[in-house]
Amino acid sequence: MPPRIPTWIFILSLLIALLGLFVGCSLYLTPGTFIKDVDFASPGARYLASMWAARQITLGAIIGIALFRRSVPMLQLALGAYSIMNLQDLAIGLNRGDAGLAIGASIFMLGPAFMAYRLSKA
């Protein structure tokens, strides 16, 4: 019998997937809600926001597909990738002196990393 995804990991992963889809769509439509001091009327800034949106939607979709398929290895890999992305956001937040970004990225790095670790013990 294949290992199953614990309910608490399933629920938190689903919320992370939905958050990724929401953030990605918001970045396509209204990127200025995330970073106030950037002029997104500039084509270059809009281009970077679209790239950011694409990555958010992709990670959210991959986590969602792993949950739909009930695939523990795929979910572990997706949560690991999500943690690595947030590790980089933590470094960016620390570099810019943005405490909010650093704290949020820490939570979204450690939480999914712990979930991936727990899945390896399932």
C-alpha atoms as a PDB file:
ATOM      1  CA  MET A   1       0.000   0.000   0.000  1.00  0.00           C
ATOM      2  CA  PRO A   2       1.519   3.375  -1.012  1.00  0.00           C
ATOM      3  CA  PRO A   3       2.157   5.928   1.749  1.00  0.00           C
ATOM      4  CA  ARG A   4      -0.683   8.347   2.264  1.00  0.00           C
ATOM      5  CA  ILE A   5      -0.585  12.069   2.817  1.00  0.00           C
ATOM      6  CA  PRO A   6      -1.531  12.985   6.403  1.00  0.00           C
ATOM      7  CA  THR A   7      -4.671  15.126   6.585  1.00  0.00           C
ATOM      8  CA  TRP A   8      -2.932  18.143   8.148  1.00  0.00           C
ATOM      9  CA  ILE A   9      -0.278  18.155   5.396  1.00  0.00           C
ATOM     10  CA  PHE A  10      -2.969  17.765   2.743  1.00  0.00           C
ATOM     11  CA  ILE A  11      -4.933  20.750   4.084  1.00  0.00           C
ATOM     12  CA  LEU A  12      -1.906  23.031   4.502  1.00  0.00           C
ATOM     13  CA  SER A  13      -0.574  22.032   1.079  1.00  0.00           C
ATOM     14  CA  LEU A  14      -3.943  22.769  -0.479  1.00  0.00           C
ATOM     15  CA  LEU A  15      -3.933  26.220   1.129  1.00  0.00           C
ATOM     16  CA  ILE A  16      -0.385  26.839  -0.174  1.00  0.00           C
ATOM     17  CA  ALA A  17      -1.461  25.756  -3.674  1.00  0.00           C
ATOM     18  CA  LEU A  18      -4.483  28.050  -3.605  1.00  0.00           C
ATOM     19  CA  LEU A  19      -2.339  30.904  -2.279  1.00  0.00           C
ATOM     20  CA  GLY A  20       0.123  30.388  -5.153  1.00  0.00           C
ATOM     21  CA  LEU A  21      -2.691  30.512  -7.705  1.00  0.00           C
ATOM     22  CA  PHE A  22      -4.223  33.590  -6.071  1.00  0.00           C
ATOM     23  CA  VAL A  23      -0.912  35.455  -5.807  1.00  0.00           C
ATOM     24  CA  GLY A  24      -0.007  34.559  -9.394  1.00  0.00           C
ATOM     25  CA  CYS A  25      -3.326  35.792 -10.776  1.00  0.00           C
ATOM     26  CA  SER A  26      -3.084  38.943  -8.666  1.00  0.00           C
ATOM     27  CA  LEU A  27       0.410  39.596  -9.991  1.00  0.00           C
ATOM     28  CA  TYR A  28      -0.886  39.412 -13.551  1.00  0.00           C
ATOM     29  CA  LEU A  29      -3.795  41.739 -12.830  1.00  0.00           C
ATOM     30  CA  THR A  30      -2.620  44.156 -10.103  1.00  0.00           C
ATOM     31  CA  PRO A  31       1.092  43.735  -9.322  1.00  0.00           C
ATOM     32  CA  GLY A  32       1.222  47.079  -7.500  1.00  0.00           C
ATOM     33  CA  THR A  33      -0.591  45.558  -4.513  1.00  0.00           C
ATOM     34  CA  PHE A  34       2.552  43.572  -3.657  1.00  0.00           C
ATOM     35  CA  ILE A  35       5.290  46.174  -4.049  1.00  0.00           C
ATOM     36  CA  LYS A  36       4.174  49.764  -3.563  1.00  0.00           C
ATOM     37  CA  ASP A  37       7.360  51.580  -4.656  1.00  0.00           C
ATOM     38  CA  VAL A  38       7.580  50.103  -8.174  1.00  0.00           C
ATOM     39  CA  ASP A  39       5.999  51.675 -11.242  1.00  0.00           C
ATOM     40  CA  PHE A  40       4.333  48.748 -12.972  1.00  0.00           C
ATOM     41  CA  ALA A  41       3.350  50.971 -15.897  1.00  0.00           C
ATOM     42  CA  SER A  42       6.933  50.395 -17.042  1.00  0.00           C
ATOM     43  CA  PRO A  43       7.109  47.507 -19.546  1.00  0.00           C
ATOM     44  CA  GLY A  44      10.224  46.102 -17.857  1.00  0.00           C
ATOM     45  CA  ALA A  45       8.628  46.032 -14.404  1.00  0.00           C
ATOM     46  CA  ARG A  46       5.453  44.515 -15.860  1.00  0.00           C
ATOM     47  CA  TYR A  47       7.574  41.846 -17.574  1.00  0.00           C
ATOM     48  CA  LEU A  48       9.251  40.907 -14.270  1.00  0.00           C
ATOM     49  CA  ALA A  49       5.878  40.823 -12.488  1.00  0.00           C
ATOM     50  CA  SER A  50       4.549  38.474 -15.176  1.00  0.00           C
ATOM     51  CA  MET A  51       7.552  36.185 -14.743  1.00  0.00           C
ATOM     52  CA  TRP A  52       6.952  36.196 -10.979  1.00  0.00           C
ATOM     53  CA  ALA A  53       3.265  35.423 -11.557  1.00  0.00           C
ATOM     54  CA  ALA A  54       4.076  32.516 -13.857  1.00  0.00           C
ATOM     55  CA  ARG A  55       6.316  30.937 -11.213  1.00  0.00           C
ATOM     56  CA  GLN A  56       3.715  31.356  -8.467  1.00  0.00           C
ATOM     57  CA  ILE A  57       0.996  29.765 -10.582  1.00  0.00           C
ATOM     58  CA  THR A  58       3.311  26.939 -11.656  1.00  0.00           C
ATOM     59  CA  LEU A  59       4.316  26.012  -8.100  1.00  0.00           C
ATOM     60  CA  GLY A  60       0.708  26.246  -6.921  1.00  0.00           C
ATOM     61  CA  ALA A  61      -0.435  24.038  -9.788  1.00  0.00           C
ATOM     62  CA  ILE A  62       2.291  21.454  -9.178  1.00  0.00           C
ATOM     63  CA  ILE A  63       1.394  21.212  -5.492  1.00  0.00           C
ATOM     64  CA  GLY A  64      -2.288  20.933  -6.465  1.00  0.00           C
ATOM     65  CA  ILE A  65      -1.592  18.174  -8.993  1.00  0.00           C
ATOM     66  CA  ALA A  66       0.481  16.255  -6.427  1.00  0.00           C
ATOM     67  CA  LEU A  67      -2.443  16.468  -4.007  1.00  0.00           C
ATOM     68  CA  PHE A  68      -4.970  15.432  -6.661  1.00  0.00           C
ATOM     69  CA  ARG A  69      -2.820  12.427  -7.575  1.00  0.00           C
ATOM     70  CA  ARG A  70      -2.113  11.699  -3.892  1.00  0.00           C
ATOM     71  CA  SER A  71       1.555  11.385  -4.838  1.00  0.00           C
ATOM     72  CA  VAL A  72       3.812  11.616  -1.789  1.00  0.00           C
ATOM     73  CA  PRO A  73       7.098  11.845  -3.783  1.00  0.00           C
ATOM     74  CA  MET A  74       5.700  14.543  -6.087  1.00  0.00           C
ATOM     75  CA  LEU A  75       4.358  16.524  -3.116  1.00  0.00           C
ATOM     76  CA  GLN A  76       7.712  16.229  -1.312  1.00  0.00           C
ATOM     77  CA  LEU A  77       9.521  17.587  -4.347  1.00  0.00           C
ATOM     78  CA  ALA A  78       7.004  20.415  -4.854  1.00  0.00           C
ATOM     79  CA  LEU A  79       7.151  21.439  -1.182  1.00  0.00           C
ATOM     80  CA  GLY A  80      10.947  21.313  -1.321  1.00  0.00           C
ATOM     81  CA  ALA A  81      10.979  23.591  -4.370  1.00  0.00           C
ATOM     82  CA  TYR A  82       8.534  25.938  -2.631  1.00  0.00           C
ATOM     83  CA  SER A  83      10.829  26.048   0.406  1.00  0.00           C
ATOM     84  CA  ILE A  84      13.858  26.856  -1.759  1.00  0.00           C
ATOM     85  CA  MET A  85      11.933  29.681  -3.431  1.00  0.00           C
ATOM     86  CA  ASN A  86      11.061  31.113  -0.022  1.00  0.00           C
ATOM     87  CA  LEU A  87      14.647  30.738   1.187  1.00  0.00           C
ATOM     88  CA  GLN A  88      15.595  33.085  -1.637  1.00  0.00           C
ATOM     89  CA  ASP A  89      12.759  35.449  -0.665  1.00  0.00           C
ATOM     90  CA  LEU A  90      14.136  35.415   2.890  1.00  0.00           C
ATOM     91  CA  ALA A  91      17.564  36.441   1.572  1.00  0.00           C
ATOM     92  CA  ILE A  92      15.965  39.210  -0.504  1.00  0.00           C
ATOM     93  CA  GLY A  93      13.968  40.430   2.490  1.00  0.00           C
ATOM     94  CA  LEU A  94      17.066  40.520   4.682  1.00  0.00           C
ATOM     95  CA  ASN A  95      19.075  42.259   1.964  1.00  0.00           C
ATOM     96  CA  ARG A  96      16.412  44.963   1.488  1.00  0.00           C
ATOM     97  CA  GLY A  97      15.691  45.336   5.187  1.00  0.00           C
ATOM     98  CA  ASP A  98      12.090  44.239   4.646  1.00  0.00           C
ATOM     99  CA  ALA A  99      11.129  42.548   7.922  1.00  0.00           C
ATOM    100  CA  GLY A 100       7.660  41.590   6.648  1.00  0.00           C
ATOM    101  CA  LEU A 101       9.078  39.732   3.671  1.00  0.00           C
ATOM    102  CA  ALA A 102      11.757  38.076   5.802  1.00  0.00           C
ATOM    103  CA  ILE A 103       9.258  36.861   8.413  1.00  0.00           C
ATOM    104  CA  GLY A 104       6.715  35.667   5.856  1.00  0.00           C
ATOM    105  CA  ALA A 105       9.367  33.913   3.794  1.00  0.00           C
ATOM    106  CA  SER A 106      10.741  32.224   6.924  1.00  0.00           C
ATOM    107  CA  ILE A 107       7.320  30.789   7.745  1.00  0.00           C
ATOM    108  CA  PHE A 108       6.688  29.698   4.157  1.00  0.00           C
ATOM    109  CA  MET A 109      10.162  28.180   3.979  1.00  0.00           C
ATOM    110  CA  LEU A 110      10.174  26.268   7.263  1.00  0.00           C
ATOM    111  CA  GLY A 111       6.560  25.059   7.145  1.00  0.00           C
ATOM    112  CA  PRO A 112       6.709  23.319   3.756  1.00  0.00           C
ATOM    113  CA  ALA A 113      10.235  22.036   4.477  1.00  0.00           C
ATOM    114  CA  PHE A 114       8.926  20.418   7.671  1.00  0.00           C
ATOM    115  CA  MET A 115       5.962  18.973   5.768  1.00  0.00           C
ATOM    116  CA  ALA A 116       8.283  17.484   3.136  1.00  0.00           C
ATOM    117  CA  TYR A 117      10.404  16.004   5.929  1.00  0.00           C
ATOM    118  CA  ARG A 118       7.319  14.518   7.631  1.00  0.00           C
ATOM    119  CA  LEU A 119       6.237  12.993   4.308  1.00  0.00           C
ATOM    120  CA  SER A 120       9.571  11.188   4.141  1.00  0.00           C
ATOM    121  CA  LYS A 121       8.666   9.549   7.465  1.00  0.00           C
ATOM    122  CA  ALA A 122       5.135   8.565   6.349  1.00  0.00           C
END
